[in-house]
C-alpha atoms as a PDB file:
ATOM      1  CA  MET A   1       3.653 129.048 -90.341  1.00  0.00           C
ATOM      2  CA  ARG A   2       4.843 129.318 -86.761  1.00  0.00           C
ATOM      3  CA  GLU A   3       5.110 126.273 -84.586  1.00  0.00           C
ATOM      4  CA  PHE A   4       6.243 125.844 -81.034  1.00  0.00           C
ATOM      5  CA  GLU A   5       6.750 123.070 -78.588  1.00  0.00           C
ATOM      6  CA  THR A   6       7.151 123.140 -74.846  1.00  0.00           C
ATOM      7  CA  SER A   7       6.947 120.649 -72.017  1.00  0.00           C
ATOM      8  CA  THR A   8       6.370 120.625 -68.316  1.00  0.00           C
ATOM      9  CA  VAL A   9       6.149 118.040 -65.563  1.00  0.00           C
ATOM     10  CA  VAL A  10       3.145 117.826 -63.261  1.00  0.00           C
ATOM     11  CA  GLU A  11       3.505 115.928 -60.003  1.00  0.00           C
ATOM     12  CA  ARG A  12       0.352 113.845 -60.558  1.00  0.00           C
ATOM     13  CA  ASP A  13      -0.332 110.524 -62.279  1.00  0.00           C
ATOM     14  CA  ILE A  14      -1.094 110.534 -65.995  1.00  0.00           C
ATOM     15  CA  GLY A  15      -4.792 109.658 -65.570  1.00  0.00           C
ATOM     16  CA  THR A  16      -5.409 112.601 -63.251  1.00  0.00           C
ATOM     17  CA  VAL A  17      -3.554 115.033 -65.504  1.00  0.00           C
ATOM     18  CA  MET A  18      -5.279 113.891 -68.703  1.00  0.00           C
ATOM     19  CA  GLU A  19      -8.677 114.165 -67.032  1.00  0.00           C
ATOM     20  CA  ALA A  20      -7.899 117.719 -65.892  1.00  0.00           C
ATOM     21  CA  TYR A  21      -7.005 118.708 -69.466  1.00  0.00           C
ATOM     22  CA  TRP A  22     -10.114 116.966 -70.814  1.00  0.00           C
ATOM     23  CA  ARG A  23     -12.510 118.706 -68.407  1.00  0.00           C
ATOM     24  CA  ALA A  24     -12.637 121.969 -70.346  1.00  0.00           C
ATOM     25  CA  GLU A  25     -15.606 123.223 -68.317  1.00  0.00           C
ATOM     26  CA  THR A  26     -13.224 123.794 -65.393  1.00  0.00           C
ATOM     27  CA  TRP A  27     -10.740 125.919 -67.360  1.00  0.00           C
ATOM     28  CA  PRO A  28     -12.186 129.278 -66.250  1.00  0.00           C
ATOM     29  CA  GLN A  29     -11.150 128.332 -62.701  1.00  0.00           C
ATOM     30  CA  PHE A  30      -7.513 127.788 -63.698  1.00  0.00           C
ATOM     31  CA  THR A  31      -6.744 130.067 -66.652  1.00  0.00           C
ATOM     32  CA  ARG A  32      -6.754 133.840 -66.894  1.00  0.00           C
ATOM     33  CA  HIS A  33      -7.934 134.159 -70.487  1.00  0.00           C
ATOM     34  CA  VAL A  34     -10.728 131.523 -70.644  1.00  0.00           C
ATOM     35  CA  ARG A  35     -13.856 133.104 -69.170  1.00  0.00           C
ATOM     36  CA  ALA A  36     -16.462 130.465 -70.051  1.00  0.00           C
ATOM     37  CA  VAL A  37     -16.832 127.188 -71.920  1.00  0.00           C
ATOM     38  CA  ASP A  38     -19.961 125.972 -73.722  1.00  0.00           C
ATOM     39  CA  ILE A  39     -19.874 122.253 -74.495  1.00  0.00           C
ATOM     40  CA  HIS A  40     -21.990 121.495 -77.573  1.00  0.00           C
ATOM     41  CA  PHE A  41     -21.124 117.791 -77.830  1.00  0.00           C
ATOM     42  CA  GLU A  42     -19.108 115.399 -75.718  1.00  0.00           C
ATOM     43  CA  ASP A  43     -18.536 111.684 -75.567  1.00  0.00           C
ATOM     44  CA  ASP A  44     -15.588 109.692 -74.208  1.00  0.00           C
ATOM     45  CA  ASN A  45     -13.245 110.734 -77.024  1.00  0.00           C
ATOM     46  CA  THR A  46     -14.659 113.816 -78.762  1.00  0.00           C
ATOM     47  CA  GLN A  47     -15.646 117.315 -77.657  1.00  0.00           C
ATOM     48  CA  ILE A  48     -17.062 120.239 -79.583  1.00  0.00           C
ATOM     49  CA  LEU A  49     -17.018 123.381 -77.507  1.00  0.00           C
ATOM     50  CA  SER A  50     -16.928 127.150 -77.607  1.00  0.00           C
ATOM     51  CA  LEU A  51     -14.281 128.965 -75.616  1.00  0.00           C
ATOM     52  CA  HIS A  52     -15.060 132.505 -74.444  1.00  0.00           C
ATOM     53  CA  VAL A  53     -11.619 134.078 -74.156  1.00  0.00           C
ATOM     54  CA  ASP A  54     -10.202 137.500 -73.427  1.00  0.00           C
ATOM     55  CA  THR A  55      -7.767 138.506 -76.166  1.00  0.00           C
ATOM     56  CA  ARG A  56      -6.260 141.911 -76.787  1.00  0.00           C
ATOM     57  CA  GLY A  57      -8.693 143.658 -74.485  1.00  0.00           C
ATOM     58  CA  LYS A  58     -11.868 142.120 -75.896  1.00  0.00           C
ATOM     59  CA  ARG A  59     -13.886 138.949 -75.510  1.00  0.00           C
ATOM     60  CA  ASP A  60     -13.897 136.468 -78.400  1.00  0.00           C
ATOM     61  CA  VAL A  61     -15.625 133.122 -78.840  1.00  0.00           C
ATOM     62  CA  PHE A  62     -13.830 130.296 -80.643  1.00  0.00           C
ATOM     63  CA  LYS A  63     -15.298 126.936 -81.573  1.00  0.00           C
ATOM     64  CA  THR A  64     -12.887 124.103 -80.820  1.00  0.00           C
ATOM     65  CA  VAL A  65     -12.969 120.402 -81.658  1.00  0.00           C
ATOM     66  CA  ARG A  66     -10.968 118.069 -79.420  1.00  0.00           C
ATOM     67  CA  ILE A  67     -10.194 114.379 -79.845  1.00  0.00           C
ATOM     68  CA  ARG A  68      -8.801 112.228 -77.046  1.00  0.00           C
ATOM     69  CA  GLN A  69      -6.626 109.232 -77.813  1.00  0.00           C
ATOM     70  CA  VAL A  70      -4.629 106.928 -75.544  1.00  0.00           C
ATOM     71  CA  ARG A  71      -2.040 109.494 -74.337  1.00  0.00           C
ATOM     72  CA  GLU A  72      -2.945 112.483 -76.502  1.00  0.00           C
ATOM     73  CA  ILE A  73      -5.556 115.214 -76.814  1.00  0.00           C
ATOM     74  CA  HIS A  74      -5.651 116.851 -80.255  1.00  0.00           C
ATOM     75  CA  TYR A  75      -7.502 120.082 -80.988  1.00  0.00           C
ATOM     76  CA  PHE A  76      -8.328 122.373 -83.872  1.00  0.00           C
ATOM     77  CA  GLN A  77     -10.457 125.419 -84.458  1.00  0.00           C
ATOM     78  CA  PRO A  78     -12.542 125.148 -87.651  1.00  0.00           C
ATOM     79  CA  VAL A  79     -12.720 128.952 -87.801  1.00  0.00           C
ATOM     80  CA  PRO A  80      -9.524 130.211 -86.148  1.00  0.00           C
ATOM     81  CA  PRO A  81      -9.055 133.680 -84.670  1.00  0.00           C
ATOM     82  CA  PRO A  82      -8.746 136.386 -87.354  1.00  0.00           C
ATOM     83  CA  THR A  83      -4.993 136.727 -86.831  1.00  0.00           C
ATOM     84  CA  LEU A  84      -4.365 133.034 -87.565  1.00  0.00           C
ATOM     85  CA  LEU A  85      -4.697 131.004 -90.745  1.00  0.00           C
ATOM     86  CA  ARG A  86      -4.904 127.794 -88.701  1.00  0.00           C
ATOM     87  CA  HIS A  87      -4.976 126.917 -85.058  1.00  0.00           C
ATOM     88  CA  HIS A  88      -4.402 123.307 -84.107  1.00  0.00           C
ATOM     89  CA  GLY A  89      -2.183 121.216 -81.914  1.00  0.00           C
ATOM     90  CA  ALA A  90      -1.978 118.464 -79.344  1.00  0.00           C
ATOM     91  CA  TRP A  91      -1.031 117.723 -75.795  1.00  0.00           C
ATOM     92  CA  LEU A  92       1.035 114.552 -75.459  1.00  0.00           C
ATOM     93  CA  PHE A  93       1.153 112.922 -72.027  1.00  0.00           C
ATOM     94  CA  TRP A  94       4.006 110.739 -70.780  1.00  0.00           C
ATOM     95  CA  SER A  95       4.150 108.920 -67.471  1.00  0.00           C
ATOM     96  CA  ARG A  96       7.289 109.763 -65.501  1.00  0.00           C
ATOM     97  CA  GLY A  97       6.870 107.519 -62.473  1.00  0.00           C
ATOM     98  CA  PRO A  98       4.408 109.252 -60.144  1.00  0.00           C
ATOM     99  CA  ALA A  99       4.509 112.381 -62.349  1.00  0.00           C
ATOM    100  CA  THR A 100       3.359 113.269 -65.876  1.00  0.00           C
ATOM    101  CA  GLU A 101       5.251 115.098 -68.590  1.00  0.00           C
ATOM    102  CA  ILE A 102       3.101 117.124 -70.964  1.00  0.00           C
END
């Protein structure tokens, strides 16, 4: 199993950054590979959505479940892309003064 970890700092407060990551419906405006998002269920802490993404020259649709906690957003795909056995992870958010480390 391959795992990776990376971090970046965004010059915005943690609340603003977490909200931007949570608002999946806006992702097509900011990402090259996400073309559309269908939200099937959403409350304050849980989302079930379908991501329409361009991968390897074709469009695929992946169902994703996301759970928001205090400073974390966890995700998994119940049926991952064919090339993956599992696809899951989390974004962890840390306040760095006026900025946020993800």
